[in-house]
Amino acid sequence: METSASYNRQEMLHVADAVAREKGIEREIVLRAMEDAIQKAARQRYGQEHDIRAEIDPKSGEIKIFRCLEVVEAVENEATQIRLEEARDRNPDAQVSDILVEPLPPLEFGRIAAQSAKQVIVQKVREAERERHYNEFKDRIGEIVHGIVKRVEYGSVTVDLGRAEGVVRRDELLPRESFRRGDRIRAYIYDVRRETRGPQIFLSRTHPQFMAKLFAQEVPEIYDKIIEIKAVARDPGSRAKIAVLSHDSSIDPVGACVGMRGSRVQAVVQELQGEKIDIIQWSPDPATFVVNALAPAEVTKVVLDEEEGRIAVVVPDEQLSLAIGRRGQNVRLASQLTGWQIDILTEKEESERRQEEFRNRTKIFLDALQVDETTAQLLATEGFASVEEVAYVPLDDLAGIEGFDETKATDLHRRAAEWIEKENLRLEELRKELGVSDEIVDLGGLNPAMLVRLGEKGVKSLDDLADLAGDELVEALGGQISLEDANNLVMAARAHWFQDETKEEGQA
């Protein structure tokens, strides 16, 4: 009989070893799962209300089953508690809150108990397997993996990665790309998540970094970090732009990525189903970078607006369609690559725009300063855009304009100052008519025109201003204020809320 028990114990250890090897998980996890299974079977045998534990000796395979009882002064639950006096009959050293362990006889597994135990073991092993898959792949986000297509459902592709499965959703596949069961597939791991049905490994063939990693596989200089990929923009399956920088002045980054007779870039193009790739030299200078990004179109002039994050690009009339690209593809990808909003103008459009700006500025000076047309045009030509600029520019700068002298400059200063004073009085009256409170004026940081604009937008009290977010205030003022200044104004408007709360707490 002892020999049979010994055989069963050894067989249990052999099973644990086999399962651990097959599933790639630790032997201890399998033994813990077996203990849980025996525990469940024992509770079915002796009653679910009992606190029954099971232990398997990892060396001998011996199974111990015991009941745990908490030592208490007064018993409330006989299944899990024992009185101190009774406990001391069994163990003279017993104290309140101790756990008394009571051995139980070995368990004979019936068919139902064995089936239940098997389910517990399978479940625990599956959970351990899922945890191993998650831990293995969560550190591989950002890698390219190879796999075999296992099944295709509703356009999504399930990929066998060897010890786990990944999924390429329909929108992560290239357009017109189809796979069948058994096909080999390369994809980029962009996310790994824990979910109820196990860890989900999300793969992509449209992700910009998939292209970057493919180049790293084809171009040794990228792998060795001599060449760095600074940015990637893709219209998957159609066209892409990739910006590269060389950390070695003797190596041309564009040439290295193209390869001999285009061999390196062609390998990437074939993997991406013929996606056209523009390889661009990255530059720290935004204007140069944007010009490079718009290739193959030629650019004649660039005007940056750093506050707005926009850049106006002027191209020859015949280059407009090339710069924009089919359905705006070229300029859209260049914008994604550089991070700048790009406005494309032809030389003719740019000339017309300059002339329109010149006419508008000239009219402003004619109306506000009551000067002759020649003087107004001279001010516009010199780059003055507003009456305020004329009023506050140093007198010497104004007198230095060709055709002006100190007397003329002084007169312009005076006229500009008078106009600003009249305009401020007009705006102040309008501000009061609109009902914008003096409390907002007292905050500072807002000129009369801004205050009127707030009134027109319905922002009339401190609370109205305090209810805005910083970006909403910037938008309400038409971008005439920075986000930092807007946030400071909003916080200043909210200050009275905190003062009111403090007063209420003091009164309470």
Protein backbone atom coordinates (compact mmCIF):
# COMPACT_ATOMS: atom_id res chain seq x y z
CA MET A 1 0.00 0.00 0.00
CA GLU A 2 2.88 2.35 0.85
CA THR A 3 4.48 1.53 -2.51
CA SER A 4 1.26 2.55 -4.32
CA ALA A 5 1.06 5.85 -2.37
CA SER A 6 4.72 6.50 -3.12
CA TYR A 7 4.06 5.84 -6.83
CA ASN A 8 1.12 8.29 -6.83
CA ARG A 9 3.25 10.96 -5.20
CA GLN A 10 6.05 10.54 -7.74
CA GLU A 11 3.54 10.48 -10.59
CA MET A 12 2.11 13.80 -9.39
CA LEU A 13 5.59 15.37 -9.43
CA HIS A 14 6.22 13.95 -12.93
CA VAL A 15 2.94 15.49 -14.15
CA ALA A 16 3.89 18.86 -12.62
CA ASP A 17 7.30 18.72 -14.35
CA ALA A 18 5.73 17.79 -17.69
CA VAL A 19 3.11 20.57 -17.57
CA ALA A 20 5.74 23.14 -16.54
CA ARG A 21 7.97 22.14 -19.48
CA GLU A 22 5.12 22.04 -22.02
CA LYS A 23 3.61 25.41 -21.06
CA GLY A 24 6.90 27.15 -20.33
CA ILE A 25 5.93 28.15 -16.78
CA GLU A 26 7.58 27.51 -13.41
CA ARG A 27 7.13 24.14 -11.67
CA GLU A 28 6.14 25.93 -8.44
CA ILE A 29 3.16 27.52 -10.22
CA VAL A 30 1.92 24.10 -11.35
CA LEU A 31 2.31 22.69 -7.82
CA ARG A 32 0.39 25.67 -6.38
CA ALA A 33 -2.37 24.97 -8.92
CA MET A 34 -2.48 21.32 -7.80
CA GLU A 35 -2.68 22.42 -4.15
CA ASP A 36 -5.63 24.69 -5.03
CA ALA A 37 -7.32 21.79 -6.80
CA ILE A 38 -6.85 19.42 -3.83
CA GLN A 39 -8.06 22.20 -1.51
CA LYS A 40 -11.25 22.60 -3.56
CA ALA A 41 -11.88 18.85 -3.58
CA ALA A 42 -11.32 18.66 0.20
CA ARG A 43 -13.82 21.46 0.82
CA GLN A 44 -16.39 19.59 -1.26
CA ARG A 45 -15.71 16.52 0.90
CA TYR A 46 -15.65 18.19 4.34
CA GLY A 47 -17.82 21.26 3.72
CA GLN A 48 -17.26 24.64 2.06
CA GLU A 49 -17.58 26.46 5.39
CA HIS A 50 -14.26 25.03 6.63
CA ASP A 51 -10.91 26.77 6.10
CA ILE A 52 -9.09 23.81 4.55
CA ARG A 53 -5.55 24.03 3.15
CA ALA A 54 -3.45 21.59 1.15
CA GLU A 55 0.31 21.35 0.75
CA ILE A 56 2.43 19.27 -1.64
CA ASP A 57 6.02 18.57 -0.69
CA PRO A 58 8.00 19.63 -3.81
CA LYS A 59 10.62 16.92 -3.21
CA SER A 60 8.65 13.85 -2.04
CA GLY A 61 5.24 14.68 -3.54
CA GLU A 62 3.57 13.96 -0.15
CA ILE A 63 0.15 15.64 0.18
CA LYS A 64 -0.89 17.14 3.52
CA ILE A 65 -4.44 18.29 4.12
CA PHE A 66 -5.33 20.25 7.25
CA ARG A 67 -8.02 22.46 8.70
CA CYS A 68 -7.18 25.90 10.10
CA LEU A 69 -8.97 27.16 13.24
CA GLU A 70 -8.56 30.62 14.76
CA VAL A 71 -8.17 30.70 18.55
CA VAL A 72 -10.80 33.03 20.10
CA GLU A 73 -12.36 33.84 23.49
CA ALA A 74 -15.92 33.33 22.25
CA VAL A 75 -16.73 31.16 19.22
CA GLU A 76 -18.97 32.77 16.56
CA ASN A 77 -18.26 30.31 13.74
CA GLU A 78 -17.54 26.72 14.78
CA ALA A 79 -16.21 25.80 11.32
CA THR A 80 -13.30 28.26 11.47
CA GLN A 81 -12.88 29.12 15.18
CA ILE A 82 -12.02 27.30 18.43
CA ARG A 83 -12.28 28.40 22.09
CA LEU A 84 -9.03 29.20 23.89
CA GLU A 85 -9.63 26.51 26.60
CA GLU A 86 -10.24 23.81 23.98
CA ALA A 87 -7.24 24.91 21.95
CA ARG A 88 -4.99 24.65 25.03
CA ASP A 89 -6.09 21.04 25.47
CA ARG A 90 -4.42 20.38 22.10
CA ASN A 91 -1.57 22.91 22.42
CA PRO A 92 -0.80 24.31 25.90
CA ASP A 93 1.00 27.34 24.32
CA ALA A 94 -2.04 28.47 22.29
CA GLN A 95 -2.93 32.18 22.48
CA VAL A 96 -5.89 34.24 21.21
CA SER A 97 -5.53 35.01 17.43
CA ASP A 98 -3.23 32.00 16.90
CA ILE A 99 -4.09 29.63 14.05
CA LEU A 100 -4.45 26.01 15.13
CA VAL A 101 -3.70 23.45 12.42
CA GLU A 102 -5.70 20.19 12.52
CA PRO A 103 -4.49 17.41 10.15
CA LEU A 104 -7.15 15.65 8.04
CA PRO A 105 -6.98 12.11 6.64
CA PRO A 106 -5.78 11.65 3.01
CA LEU A 107 -8.46 12.31 0.44
CA GLU A 108 -9.85 9.66 -1.87
CA PHE A 109 -10.77 11.45 -5.10
CA GLY A 110 -14.14 10.53 -6.55
CA ARG A 111 -14.91 11.08 -10.26
CA ILE A 112 -16.60 14.47 -9.70
CA ALA A 113 -13.90 15.69 -7.30
CA ALA A 114 -11.19 14.63 -9.74
CA GLN A 115 -12.92 16.43 -12.61
CA SER A 116 -13.30 19.57 -10.51
CA ALA A 117 -9.64 19.39 -9.48
CA LYS A 118 -8.61 19.02 -13.11
CA GLN A 119 -10.59 22.17 -14.05
CA VAL A 120 -8.90 24.16 -11.29
CA ILE A 121 -5.44 23.01 -12.45
CA VAL A 122 -6.21 23.83 -16.11
CA GLN A 123 -7.52 27.27 -15.15
CA LYS A 124 -4.54 28.11 -12.94
CA VAL A 125 -2.06 26.91 -15.54
CA ARG A 126 -3.84 28.93 -18.24
CA GLU A 127 -3.70 32.07 -16.05
CA ALA A 128 0.02 31.51 -15.43
CA GLU A 129 0.58 30.98 -19.17
CA ARG A 130 -1.25 34.23 -19.98
CA GLU A 131 0.80 36.14 -17.42
CA ARG A 132 3.99 34.76 -18.94
CA HIS A 133 2.86 35.82 -22.43
CA TYR A 134 2.03 39.32 -21.18
CA ASN A 135 5.37 39.74 -19.37
CA GLU A 136 7.25 38.43 -22.40
CA PHE A 137 5.60 40.69 -25.00
CA LYS A 138 5.00 43.91 -22.99
CA ASP A 139 8.77 44.51 -23.15
CA ARG A 140 8.76 43.93 -26.91
CA ILE A 141 6.51 46.88 -27.82
CA GLY A 142 8.29 48.68 -30.66
CA GLU A 143 9.72 45.51 -32.22
CA ILE A 144 8.99 43.87 -35.57
CA VAL A 145 7.87 40.24 -35.25
CA HIS A 146 7.45 37.43 -37.78
CA GLY A 147 4.50 35.06 -37.63
CA ILE A 148 2.19 32.73 -39.50
CA VAL A 149 -1.38 33.72 -40.34
CA LYS A 150 -3.63 31.49 -38.23
CA ARG A 151 -7.02 32.81 -39.33
CA VAL A 152 -8.67 35.77 -41.04
CA GLU A 153 -11.99 37.03 -39.63
CA TYR A 154 -13.87 40.11 -40.86
CA GLY A 155 -10.66 41.50 -42.35
CA SER A 156 -8.65 41.16 -39.12
CA VAL A 157 -5.71 38.77 -39.17
CA THR A 158 -4.79 36.53 -36.22
CA VAL A 159 -1.07 35.74 -36.23
CA ASP A 160 0.67 32.79 -34.58
CA LEU A 161 3.81 34.21 -32.97
CA GLY A 162 5.01 30.84 -31.66
CA ARG A 163 4.25 31.09 -27.93
CA ALA A 164 1.41 33.58 -28.29
CA GLU A 165 -1.07 35.06 -30.76
CA GLY A 166 -1.19 38.62 -32.12
CA VAL A 167 -3.89 40.41 -34.06
CA VAL A 168 -3.63 42.81 -37.00
CA ARG A 169 -6.92 44.70 -37.22
CA ARG A 170 -8.28 45.64 -40.64
CA ASP A 171 -7.32 49.32 -40.25
CA GLU A 172 -3.73 48.30 -39.38
CA LEU A 173 -3.32 46.43 -42.69
CA LEU A 174 -2.20 48.13 -45.89
CA PRO A 175 -4.99 48.93 -48.38
CA ARG A 176 -5.72 46.13 -50.87
CA GLU A 177 -3.53 43.80 -48.80
CA SER A 178 -4.92 40.32 -48.19
CA PHE A 179 -3.59 37.32 -46.30
CA ARG A 180 -4.58 33.66 -46.19
CA ARG A 181 -4.09 31.03 -43.55
CA GLY A 182 -0.49 29.82 -43.55
CA ASP A 183 0.99 33.02 -45.06
CA ARG A 184 4.09 34.48 -43.42
CA ILE A 185 3.64 38.03 -42.10
CA ARG A 186 5.85 40.76 -40.62
CA ALA A 187 4.30 43.39 -38.35
CA TYR A 188 5.08 45.95 -35.65
CA ILE A 189 4.03 45.43 -32.01
CA TYR A 190 2.45 48.74 -31.00
CA ASP A 191 0.51 47.69 -27.88
CA VAL A 192 0.12 44.80 -25.42
CA ARG A 193 -2.85 44.84 -23.05
CA ARG A 194 -4.21 42.63 -20.28
CA GLU A 195 -7.78 41.62 -21.11
CA THR A 196 -10.26 39.13 -19.64
CA ARG A 197 -9.63 36.64 -22.43
CA GLY A 198 -5.88 36.93 -21.95
CA PRO A 199 -3.15 39.32 -23.06
CA GLN A 200 -3.87 40.92 -26.43
CA ILE A 201 -0.87 41.65 -28.66
CA PHE A 202 -1.77 44.34 -31.20
CA LEU A 203 0.21 44.40 -34.44
CA SER A 204 0.36 46.95 -37.24
CA ARG A 205 1.67 47.27 -40.78
CA THR A 206 0.54 50.90 -41.17
CA HIS A 207 2.28 52.38 -38.11
CA PRO A 208 4.97 54.96 -39.02
CA GLN A 209 7.46 53.14 -36.79
CA PHE A 210 6.97 49.91 -38.79
CA MET A 211 8.67 51.67 -41.71
CA ALA A 212 11.38 53.07 -39.41
CA LYS A 213 12.15 49.59 -38.04
CA LEU A 214 12.23 48.10 -41.57
CA PHE A 215 14.84 50.68 -42.54
CA ALA A 216 16.82 49.82 -39.40
CA GLN A 217 16.86 46.18 -40.58
CA GLU A 218 18.00 47.12 -44.10
CA VAL A 219 20.46 49.95 -43.27
CA PRO A 220 23.33 48.91 -40.94
CA GLU A 221 24.20 52.58 -40.25
CA ILE A 222 20.75 53.09 -38.66
CA TYR A 223 21.16 49.95 -36.53
CA ASP A 224 24.61 51.24 -35.45
CA LYS A 225 23.07 54.66 -34.65
CA ILE A 226 25.35 56.47 -37.12
CA ILE A 227 22.21 57.55 -38.97
CA GLU A 228 19.13 58.56 -36.99
CA ILE A 229 15.53 58.51 -38.21
CA LYS A 230 14.12 61.80 -36.91
CA ALA A 231 10.55 61.62 -38.23
CA VAL A 232 8.25 59.48 -40.37
CA ALA A 233 4.96 60.39 -42.05
CA ARG A 234 2.91 57.80 -43.93
CA ASP A 235 -0.11 57.52 -46.14
CA PRO A 236 -0.07 53.70 -45.81
CA GLY A 237 0.21 51.78 -49.06
CA SER A 238 0.51 54.96 -51.13
CA ARG A 239 3.32 57.31 -50.13
CA ALA A 240 5.61 58.14 -47.21
CA LYS A 241 8.29 60.61 -46.17
CA ILE A 242 11.13 59.78 -43.81
CA ALA A 243 13.57 62.36 -42.38
CA VAL A 244 17.10 61.17 -41.60
CA LEU A 245 20.17 62.71 -39.97
CA SER A 246 23.80 61.52 -40.05
CA HIS A 247 25.97 61.81 -36.93
CA ASP A 248 29.03 61.24 -39.14
CA SER A 249 29.77 64.09 -41.56
CA SER A 250 31.44 61.67 -44.00
CA ILE A 251 28.24 59.63 -44.47
CA ASP A 252 25.33 60.87 -46.58
CA PRO A 253 22.18 59.75 -44.71
CA VAL A 254 19.92 59.88 -47.78
CA GLY A 255 22.37 57.91 -49.95
CA ALA A 256 22.91 55.30 -47.22
CA CYS A 257 19.15 54.72 -46.91
CA VAL A 258 18.67 54.49 -50.67
CA GLY A 259 21.53 52.00 -51.06
CA MET A 260 23.40 50.85 -54.15
CA ARG A 261 21.02 51.27 -57.11
CA GLY A 262 18.21 51.74 -54.59
CA SER A 263 18.56 48.21 -53.18
CA ARG A 264 17.92 49.16 -49.54
CA VAL A 265 14.89 51.38 -50.06
CA GLN A 266 13.51 48.91 -52.61
CA ALA A 267 13.49 46.13 -50.01
CA VAL A 268 11.31 48.32 -47.76
CA VAL A 269 9.07 49.35 -50.68
CA GLN A 270 8.43 45.68 -51.58
CA GLU A 271 7.48 44.83 -47.97
CA LEU A 272 5.05 47.79 -47.99
CA GLN A 273 3.32 46.73 -51.22
CA GLY A 274 4.93 49.38 -53.44
CA GLU A 275 4.52 52.37 -51.10
CA LYS A 276 6.54 55.28 -52.59
CA ILE A 277 9.09 56.63 -50.10
CA ASP A 278 10.72 60.08 -50.12
CA ILE A 279 13.93 60.06 -48.05
CA ILE A 280 14.66 63.57 -46.78
CA GLN A 281 17.62 65.22 -45.08
CA TRP A 282 16.52 66.42 -41.62
CA SER A 283 17.55 69.93 -40.55
CA PRO A 284 17.28 71.71 -37.18
CA ASP A 285 16.27 74.86 -39.10
CA PRO A 286 12.47 74.70 -39.61
CA ALA A 287 12.53 76.60 -42.91
CA THR A 288 15.20 74.32 -44.42
CA PHE A 289 13.43 71.21 -43.12
CA VAL A 290 10.09 72.29 -44.64
CA VAL A 291 11.77 73.04 -47.98
CA ASN A 292 13.38 69.57 -47.94
CA ALA A 293 10.09 67.93 -46.90
CA LEU A 294 8.19 69.41 -49.86
CA ALA A 295 10.54 67.71 -52.34
CA PRO A 296 10.32 67.09 -55.24
CA ALA A 297 8.71 70.58 -55.47
CA GLU A 298 11.03 73.61 -55.56
CA VAL A 299 10.51 76.43 -53.05
CA THR A 300 11.44 80.07 -53.74
CA LYS A 301 10.49 81.71 -50.42
CA VAL A 302 9.57 80.73 -46.85
CA VAL A 303 7.83 82.88 -44.20
CA LEU A 304 7.61 81.50 -40.63
CA ASP A 305 4.99 82.40 -38.04
CA GLU A 306 6.35 80.71 -34.90
CA GLU A 307 3.49 81.85 -32.62
CA GLU A 308 0.86 80.25 -34.86
CA GLY A 309 3.06 77.26 -35.75
CA ARG A 310 2.43 78.02 -39.42
CA ILE A 311 4.79 78.42 -42.33
CA ALA A 312 3.96 80.06 -45.67
CA VAL A 313 5.81 78.56 -48.62
CA VAL A 314 6.03 80.26 -52.01
CA VAL A 315 6.55 78.07 -55.09
CA PRO A 316 6.73 78.90 -58.82
CA ASP A 317 3.30 78.89 -60.47
CA GLU A 318 4.05 75.74 -62.48
CA GLN A 319 5.19 73.88 -59.30
CA LEU A 320 1.94 74.36 -57.35
CA SER A 321 0.32 71.01 -58.23
CA LEU A 322 3.60 69.17 -57.54
CA ALA A 323 3.98 70.86 -54.12
CA ILE A 324 0.40 70.10 -53.10
CA GLY A 325 0.42 66.58 -54.56
CA ARG A 326 -2.50 64.41 -55.55
CA ARG A 327 -5.42 65.10 -53.19
CA GLY A 328 -3.05 67.25 -51.09
CA GLN A 329 -0.90 64.24 -50.23
CA ASN A 330 2.55 65.86 -50.59
CA VAL A 331 1.85 68.92 -48.45
CA ARG A 332 -0.10 66.84 -45.88
CA LEU A 333 2.80 64.40 -45.40
CA ALA A 334 5.31 67.28 -45.27
CA SER A 335 3.18 68.92 -42.55
CA GLN A 336 3.02 65.67 -40.53
CA LEU A 337 6.76 65.14 -40.93
CA THR A 338 7.81 68.65 -39.85
CA GLY A 339 5.07 69.43 -37.33
CA TRP A 340 4.34 72.76 -39.05
CA GLN A 341 1.07 73.85 -40.64
CA ILE A 342 2.13 74.59 -44.23
CA ASP A 343 0.38 77.13 -46.45
CA ILE A 344 1.42 76.96 -50.10
CA LEU A 345 1.22 80.04 -52.33
CA THR A 346 2.28 80.59 -55.91
CA GLU A 347 4.57 83.53 -56.67
CA LYS A 348 1.59 85.27 -58.26
CA GLU A 349 -0.65 84.71 -55.19
CA GLU A 350 2.11 85.87 -52.87
CA SER A 351 2.61 89.03 -54.93
CA GLU A 352 -1.14 89.74 -54.85
CA ARG A 353 -1.25 89.13 -51.09
CA ARG A 354 1.66 91.53 -50.50
CA GLN A 355 -0.06 94.17 -52.63
CA GLU A 356 -3.32 93.71 -50.71
CA GLU A 357 -1.49 94.04 -47.37
CA PHE A 358 0.28 97.15 -48.69
CA ARG A 359 -3.05 98.72 -49.73
CA ASN A 360 -4.66 97.90 -46.35
CA ARG A 361 -1.77 99.37 -44.36
CA THR A 362 -1.67 102.48 -46.54
CA LYS A 363 -5.41 103.00 -45.95
CA ILE A 364 -4.97 102.62 -42.16
CA PHE A 365 -2.34 105.41 -42.12
CA LEU A 366 -4.37 107.62 -44.50
CA ASP A 367 -7.49 107.38 -42.29
CA ALA A 368 -5.86 107.48 -38.85
CA LEU A 369 -2.97 109.93 -39.32
CA GLN A 370 -4.59 112.18 -41.91
CA VAL A 371 -1.39 112.24 -43.99
CA ASP A 372 -0.88 112.32 -47.75
CA GLU A 373 -0.77 109.08 -49.76
CA THR A 374 2.99 109.23 -50.33
CA THR A 375 3.69 109.35 -46.56
CA ALA A 376 1.23 106.53 -45.89
CA GLN A 377 2.86 104.39 -48.62
CA LEU A 378 6.34 105.11 -47.24
CA LEU A 379 5.26 103.92 -43.77
CA ALA A 380 3.72 100.74 -45.27
CA THR A 381 6.85 100.10 -47.37
CA GLU A 382 9.06 100.39 -44.28
CA GLY A 383 7.07 97.56 -42.64
CA PHE A 384 4.84 99.52 -40.23
CA ALA A 385 1.64 97.52 -39.74
CA SER A 386 -0.28 99.62 -37.20
CA VAL A 387 -0.64 103.15 -35.83
CA GLU A 388 0.70 101.89 -32.45
CA GLU A 389 4.01 100.98 -34.12
CA VAL A 390 4.30 104.52 -35.50
CA ALA A 391 3.52 106.02 -32.09
CA TYR A 392 5.99 103.95 -30.07
CA VAL A 393 8.94 103.54 -32.47
CA PRO A 394 12.01 105.66 -31.48
CA LEU A 395 11.94 109.09 -33.09
CA ASP A 396 15.36 108.55 -34.70
CA ASP A 397 14.12 105.41 -36.49
CA LEU A 398 11.19 107.33 -37.93
CA ALA A 399 13.37 110.33 -38.93
CA GLY A 400 15.82 107.95 -40.62
CA ILE A 401 13.28 106.92 -43.28
CA GLU A 402 14.23 108.33 -46.68
CA GLY A 403 12.17 111.49 -47.33
CA PHE A 404 11.47 112.06 -43.62
CA ASP A 405 13.21 114.45 -41.22
CA GLU A 406 12.97 115.10 -37.47
CA THR A 407 10.11 117.59 -37.91
CA LYS A 408 8.13 115.07 -40.00
CA ALA A 409 8.84 112.28 -37.50
CA THR A 410 7.72 114.42 -34.54
CA ASP A 411 4.51 115.32 -36.37
CA LEU A 412 3.78 111.63 -37.12
CA HIS A 413 4.46 110.70 -33.48
CA ARG A 414 1.98 113.39 -32.35
CA ARG A 415 -0.70 112.40 -34.87
CA ALA A 416 -0.36 108.70 -33.93
CA ALA A 417 -0.58 109.47 -30.19
CA GLU A 418 -3.68 111.63 -30.71
CA TRP A 419 -5.38 108.92 -32.76
CA ILE A 420 -4.61 106.25 -30.10
CA GLU A 421 -6.03 108.50 -27.38
CA LYS A 422 -9.26 109.10 -29.36
CA GLU A 423 -9.52 105.40 -30.24
CA ASN A 424 -9.05 104.36 -26.61
CA LEU A 425 -11.82 106.77 -25.51
CA ARG A 426 -14.11 105.35 -28.19
CA LEU A 427 -13.31 101.78 -27.15
CA GLU A 428 -13.77 102.64 -23.46
CA GLU A 429 -17.29 103.97 -24.18
CA LEU A 430 -18.05 100.86 -26.22
CA ARG A 431 -16.71 98.65 -23.42
CA LYS A 432 -19.11 100.28 -20.94
CA GLU A 433 -22.03 99.98 -23.37
CA LEU A 434 -21.29 96.26 -23.72
CA GLY A 435 -21.32 95.91 -19.91
CA VAL A 436 -17.74 94.65 -19.42
CA SER A 437 -17.08 95.17 -15.68
CA ASP A 438 -14.37 97.44 -14.21
CA GLU A 439 -13.12 94.40 -12.25
CA ILE A 440 -11.91 92.84 -15.51
CA VAL A 441 -10.19 96.12 -16.46
CA ASP A 442 -8.47 96.18 -13.05
CA LEU A 443 -6.89 92.77 -13.70
CA GLY A 444 -4.57 94.47 -16.23
CA GLY A 445 -3.01 92.82 -19.27
CA LEU A 446 -5.95 93.64 -21.58
CA ASN A 447 -5.99 96.66 -23.89
CA PRO A 448 -9.25 98.50 -24.73
CA ALA A 449 -9.69 96.61 -28.03
CA MET A 450 -9.36 93.27 -26.19
CA LEU A 451 -11.92 94.36 -23.58
CA VAL A 452 -14.41 95.25 -26.32
CA ARG A 453 -13.79 91.91 -28.01
CA LEU A 454 -14.53 90.11 -24.73
CA GLY A 455 -17.78 92.06 -24.37
CA GLU A 456 -18.80 91.06 -27.92
CA LYS A 457 -18.13 87.42 -26.95
CA GLY A 458 -20.35 87.70 -23.87
CA VAL A 459 -17.50 87.76 -21.32
CA LYS A 460 -18.58 90.65 -19.08
CA SER A 461 -17.96 89.75 -15.44
CA LEU A 462 -15.11 88.24 -13.41
CA ASP A 463 -17.07 85.00 -13.17
CA ASP A 464 -17.53 84.90 -16.96
CA LEU A 465 -13.77 85.23 -17.36
CA ALA A 466 -13.04 82.75 -14.55
CA ASP A 467 -15.24 80.13 -16.23
CA LEU A 468 -13.01 80.12 -19.33
CA ALA A 469 -10.02 77.85 -19.90
CA GLY A 470 -6.78 79.52 -21.02
CA ASP A 471 -7.07 78.30 -24.63
CA GLU A 472 -10.70 79.51 -24.77
CA LEU A 473 -9.55 83.00 -23.75
CA VAL A 474 -6.83 82.96 -26.43
CA GLU A 475 -9.48 82.00 -29.01
CA ALA A 476 -11.92 84.67 -27.76
CA LEU A 477 -9.23 87.34 -28.18
CA GLY A 478 -8.32 86.15 -31.68
CA GLY A 479 -4.82 85.02 -30.68
CA GLN A 480 -3.77 88.50 -29.44
CA ILE A 481 -2.51 87.01 -26.16
CA SER A 482 -0.19 84.09 -25.33
CA LEU A 483 -1.53 80.96 -23.64
CA GLU A 484 0.66 81.62 -20.56
CA ASP A 485 -0.73 85.17 -20.16
CA ALA A 486 -4.27 83.86 -20.74
CA ASN A 487 -3.85 81.22 -18.00
CA ASN A 488 -2.53 83.87 -15.60
CA LEU A 489 -5.54 86.13 -16.30
CA VAL A 490 -8.00 83.29 -15.75
CA MET A 491 -6.35 82.38 -12.43
CA ALA A 492 -6.42 86.05 -11.37
CA ALA A 493 -10.15 86.16 -12.20
CA ARG A 494 -10.71 83.05 -10.05
CA ALA A 495 -8.90 84.49 -7.04
CA HIS A 496 -12.11 85.94 -5.55
CA TRP A 497 -13.63 82.41 -5.48
CA PHE A 498 -10.94 81.27 -3.03
CA GLN A 499 -11.25 84.48 -0.99
CA ASP A 500 -15.02 83.91 -0.67
CA GLU A 501 -14.42 80.30 0.46
CA THR A 502 -11.92 81.48 3.10
CA LYS A 503 -14.43 84.05 4.44
CA GLU A 504 -17.18 81.42 4.66
CA GLU A 505 -14.87 79.03 6.54
CA GLY A 506 -13.91 81.86 8.94
CA GLN A 507 -17.57 82.68 9.62
CA ALA A 508 -18.37 79.01 10.14
